[in-house]
Structures are given as structure tokens and as C-alpha cells.
C-alpha atoms as a PDB file:
ATOM      1  CA  GLN A   1      12.790  12.208 -10.500  1.00  0.00           C
ATOM      2  CA  VAL A   2      11.095   9.046  -8.503  1.00  0.00           C
ATOM      3  CA  GLN A   3       7.227  10.490  -6.894  1.00  0.00           C
ATOM      4  CA  LEU A   4       4.691   7.866  -5.723  1.00  0.00           C
ATOM      5  CA  VAL A   5       1.866   9.448  -2.989  1.00  0.00           C
ATOM      6  CA  GLU A   6      -0.606   8.263  -1.770  1.00  0.00           C
ATOM      7  CA  SER A   7      -3.818   8.601  -1.225  1.00  0.00           C
ATOM      8  CA  GLY A   8      -7.722   7.162   0.714  1.00  0.00           C
ATOM      9  CA  GLY A   9      -6.406   6.844   3.677  1.00  0.00           C
ATOM     10  CA  GLY A  10      -9.138   7.833   6.992  1.00  0.00           C
ATOM     11  CA  LEU A  11     -11.228   7.215   9.601  1.00  0.00           C
ATOM     12  CA  VAL A  12     -13.216   4.375   9.288  1.00  0.00           C
ATOM     13  CA  GLN A  13     -15.403   1.673  11.564  1.00  0.00           C
ATOM     14  CA  ALA A  14     -13.870  -1.594  12.314  1.00  0.00           C
ATOM     15  CA  GLY A  15     -15.644  -3.543   9.418  1.00  0.00           C
ATOM     16  CA  GLY A  16     -15.275  -1.019   6.887  1.00  0.00           C
ATOM     17  CA  SER A  17     -13.564  -0.910   4.203  1.00  0.00           C
ATOM     18  CA  LEU A  18     -11.300   1.340   1.763  1.00  0.00           C
ATOM     19  CA  LYS A  19      -9.120   1.887  -0.507  1.00  0.00           C
ATOM     20  CA  LEU A  20      -5.523   3.537  -1.249  1.00  0.00           C
ATOM     21  CA  SER A  21      -3.690   4.711  -3.944  1.00  0.00           C
ATOM     22  CA  CYS A  22      -0.630   5.010  -4.972  1.00  0.00           C
ATOM     23  CA  ALA A  23       0.424   7.581  -7.845  1.00  0.00           C
ATOM     24  CA  ALA A  24       3.793   6.963  -9.673  1.00  0.00           C
ATOM     25  CA  SER A  25       6.268   9.469 -11.738  1.00  0.00           C
ATOM     26  CA  GLY A  26       9.540   9.361 -12.546  1.00  0.00           C
ATOM     27  CA  ILE A  27       9.622   5.528 -13.064  1.00  0.00           C
ATOM     28  CA  PHE A  28       9.067   2.652 -16.478  1.00  0.00           C
ATOM     29  CA  PHE A  29       6.013   1.763 -13.651  1.00  0.00           C
ATOM     30  CA  SER A  30       5.033  -1.895 -15.863  1.00  0.00           C
ATOM     31  CA  SER A  31       7.963  -2.925 -14.853  1.00  0.00           C
ATOM     32  CA  LYS A  32       8.726  -2.322 -11.262  1.00  0.00           C
ATOM     33  CA  SER A  33       7.068  -4.742  -8.640  1.00  0.00           C
ATOM     34  CA  MET A  34       5.009  -1.978  -6.226  1.00  0.00           C
ATOM     35  CA  ASP A  35       3.999  -2.740  -2.583  1.00  0.00           C
ATOM     36  CA  TRP A  36       3.133  -1.612   0.416  1.00  0.00           C
ATOM     37  CA  TYR A  37       3.915  -1.351   4.129  1.00  0.00           C
ATOM     38  CA  ARG A  38       2.383  -0.187   6.878  1.00  0.00           C
ATOM     39  CA  GLN A  39       4.332   1.260   9.986  1.00  0.00           C
ATOM     40  CA  ALA A  40       2.399   1.587  13.496  1.00  0.00           C
ATOM     41  CA  PRO A  41       2.728   3.637  16.063  1.00  0.00           C
ATOM     42  CA  GLY A  42       6.246   1.613  18.754  1.00  0.00           C
ATOM     43  CA  LYS A  43       6.330  -0.751  15.478  1.00  0.00           C
ATOM     44  CA  GLN A  44       8.409  -1.542  12.954  1.00  0.00           C
ATOM     45  CA  ARG A  45       7.928  -0.405   9.699  1.00  0.00           C
ATOM     46  CA  GLU A  46       6.163  -4.304   7.967  1.00  0.00           C
ATOM     47  CA  LEU A  47       5.235  -5.153   4.316  1.00  0.00           C
ATOM     48  CA  VAL A  48       1.798  -5.468   3.847  1.00  0.00           C
ATOM     49  CA  ALA A  49       1.587  -6.785  -0.309  1.00  0.00           C
ATOM     50  CA  GLY A  50       3.167  -6.934  -2.767  1.00  0.00           C
ATOM     51  CA  LEU A  51       2.531  -6.884  -6.323  1.00  0.00           C
ATOM     52  CA  THR A  52       5.527  -8.000  -9.208  1.00  0.00           C
ATOM     53  CA  ALA A  53       5.208  -6.662 -12.802  1.00  0.00           C
ATOM     54  CA  ASN A  54       3.867 -10.296 -13.931  1.00  0.00           C
ATOM     55  CA  GLY A  55       1.418  -9.959 -11.391  1.00  0.00           C
ATOM     56  CA  ARG A  56       2.254 -12.180  -8.649  1.00  0.00           C
ATOM     57  CA  THR A  57       1.017 -11.039  -5.266  1.00  0.00           C
ATOM     58  CA  THR A  58       2.684 -11.967  -1.460  1.00  0.00           C
ATOM     59  CA  TYR A  59       0.108 -10.523   1.383  1.00  0.00           C
ATOM     60  CA  ALA A  60       1.488 -10.395   5.142  1.00  0.00           C
ATOM     61  CA  ASP A  61      -0.705 -12.886   7.439  1.00  0.00           C
ATOM     62  CA  SER A  62      -2.439 -11.082   8.942  1.00  0.00           C
ATOM     63  CA  VAL A  63      -4.440  -9.568   5.885  1.00  0.00           C
ATOM     64  CA  LYS A  64      -4.713 -12.611   3.397  1.00  0.00           C
ATOM     65  CA  GLY A  65      -8.468 -12.567   3.293  1.00  0.00           C
ATOM     66  CA  ARG A  66      -9.248  -9.011   3.889  1.00  0.00           C
ATOM     67  CA  PHE A  67      -6.427  -6.945   1.854  1.00  0.00           C
ATOM     68  CA  THR A  68      -6.069  -7.184  -2.437  1.00  0.00           C
ATOM     69  CA  ILE A  69      -3.463  -5.212  -3.830  1.00  0.00           C
ATOM     70  CA  SER A  70      -3.693  -4.107  -7.298  1.00  0.00           C
ATOM     71  CA  ARG A  71      -2.791  -2.361 -10.670  1.00  0.00           C
ATOM     72  CA  ASP A  72      -3.330  -0.009 -13.604  1.00  0.00           C
ATOM     73  CA  ASN A  73      -0.376   0.412 -15.483  1.00  0.00           C
ATOM     74  CA  ALA A  74      -1.890   2.757 -17.717  1.00  0.00           C
ATOM     75  CA  LYS A  75      -2.157   5.420 -14.588  1.00  0.00           C
ATOM     76  CA  ASN A  76       1.015   4.263 -13.386  1.00  0.00           C
ATOM     77  CA  THR A  77      -1.153   3.863 -10.005  1.00  0.00           C
ATOM     78  CA  ALA A  78      -1.769   1.043  -7.636  1.00  0.00           C
ATOM     79  CA  TYR A  79      -3.989   0.304  -4.817  1.00  0.00           C
ATOM     80  CA  LEU A  80      -4.172  -1.278  -2.616  1.00  0.00           C
ATOM     81  CA  GLN A  81      -7.992  -2.466  -1.058  1.00  0.00           C
ATOM     82  CA  MET A  82      -9.278  -3.136   2.924  1.00  0.00           C
ATOM     83  CA  ASN A  83     -12.013  -5.188   3.710  1.00  0.00           C
ATOM     84  CA  SER A  84     -13.415  -5.889   7.163  1.00  0.00           C
ATOM     85  CA  LEU A  85     -10.216  -3.296   8.854  1.00  0.00           C
ATOM     86  CA  LYS A  86      -9.642  -3.928  12.092  1.00  0.00           C
ATOM     87  CA  PRO A  87      -8.675  -2.124  14.711  1.00  0.00           C
ATOM     88  CA  GLU A  88      -5.028  -3.261  14.779  1.00  0.00           C
ATOM     89  CA  ASP A  89      -4.525  -1.913  11.121  1.00  0.00           C
ATOM     90  CA  THR A  90      -4.525   1.366  11.927  1.00  0.00           C
ATOM     91  CA  ALA A  91      -1.011   2.484  10.789  1.00  0.00           C
ATOM     92  CA  VAL A  92       0.420   4.948   8.101  1.00  0.00           C
ATOM     93  CA  TYR A  93       0.188   3.187   4.987  1.00  0.00           C
ATOM     94  CA  TYR A  94       3.071   3.690   2.471  1.00  0.00           C
ATOM     95  CA  CYS A  95       3.733   2.594  -0.905  1.00  0.00           C
ATOM     96  CA  HIS A  96       7.086   1.471  -2.017  1.00  0.00           C
ATOM     97  CA  VAL A  97       8.964   0.643  -4.591  1.00  0.00           C
ATOM     98  CA  ASP A  98      12.392  -0.389  -5.924  1.00  0.00           C
ATOM     99  CA  GLY A  99      14.897   1.995  -7.856  1.00  0.00           C
ATOM    100  CA  LEU A 100      18.266   1.131  -9.624  1.00  0.00           C
ATOM    101  CA  LEU A 101      19.878   1.997  -6.563  1.00  0.00           C
ATOM    102  CA  ARG A 102      17.573   2.728  -3.929  1.00  0.00           C
ATOM    103  CA  ALA A 103      14.586   2.704  -2.759  1.00  0.00           C
ATOM    104  CA  TYR A 104      12.099   4.723  -2.886  1.00  0.00           C
ATOM    105  CA  TRP A 105       8.244   5.201  -0.645  1.00  0.00           C
ATOM    106  CA  GLY A 106       5.539   7.932  -0.863  1.00  0.00           C
ATOM    107  CA  GLN A 107       4.282  10.217   1.849  1.00  0.00           C
ATOM    108  CA  GLY A 108       2.151   7.970   3.686  1.00  0.00           C
ATOM    109  CA  THR A 109      -1.239   7.757   4.465  1.00  0.00           C
ATOM    110  CA  GLN A 110      -2.785   7.536   7.208  1.00  0.00           C
ATOM    111  CA  VAL A 111      -5.397   4.750   8.326  1.00  0.00           C
ATOM    112  CA  THR A 112      -7.522   4.868  12.114  1.00  0.00           C
ATOM    113  CA  VAL A 113      -9.604   1.670  12.752  1.00  0.00           C
ATOM    114  CA  SER A 114     -12.408   2.291  15.463  1.00  0.00           C
ATOM    115  CA  SER A 115     -13.708  -0.363  17.392  1.00  0.00           C
END
């Protein structure tokens, strides 16, 4: 059974930093692309960052230069380092991985950036 568990969210002032973690189980982690999405109130869920198994990264234009996605295959964990946070980064952040037949999502972790 695939499980993704996010942690690390919280309340931070604008300009601050947070590091999110996504602990995965039930998948062959090192062979999978891992992604972070976010969803703000009243908005669609959007891709924030992605990291392929061979290390290729993708970032939304709005977070380039501020966020960094990484992974530790030995710990089956993906990370999202978020620096220079802005109020518009406020959202629930979700970890995502594609399985053989379906996509899997974590429960989400709230990130709130105050101005």
C-alpha cells in the first residue's frame, strides 16, 4: 500500500524559510519521479516542483530561484526547501507520485506566510 506523509508546514513571516518533507512507503522510491503541488483557497491545485529519478528538476515560474526540490533515496523521502517565502505562497502543499495504475497523494501540509 502506497503512503505519502508530508510534514514541515507551519506559519512563517514573509522572507522566511520552511523545509517540507514527504516520507514515502509502498513504492520503489528511487525509480519514481516525485512532485510537490500546492492548492490555495479558491484556486486549482498547481505543480510547484518535480524531480525525476535521474535528477532532472522542474519548477513553477513563481518559485524558481526560491524553492529547491531534493530527495534522499536511502530514506525514501523527498524534500522541498522554501526560501524567501511570500504571502502568495500560502497554500496546502501536497506530495505526489504516479503509481502503475493511479496517482498517489499525501494528506497535505499547511503553509501560511504572513506579511
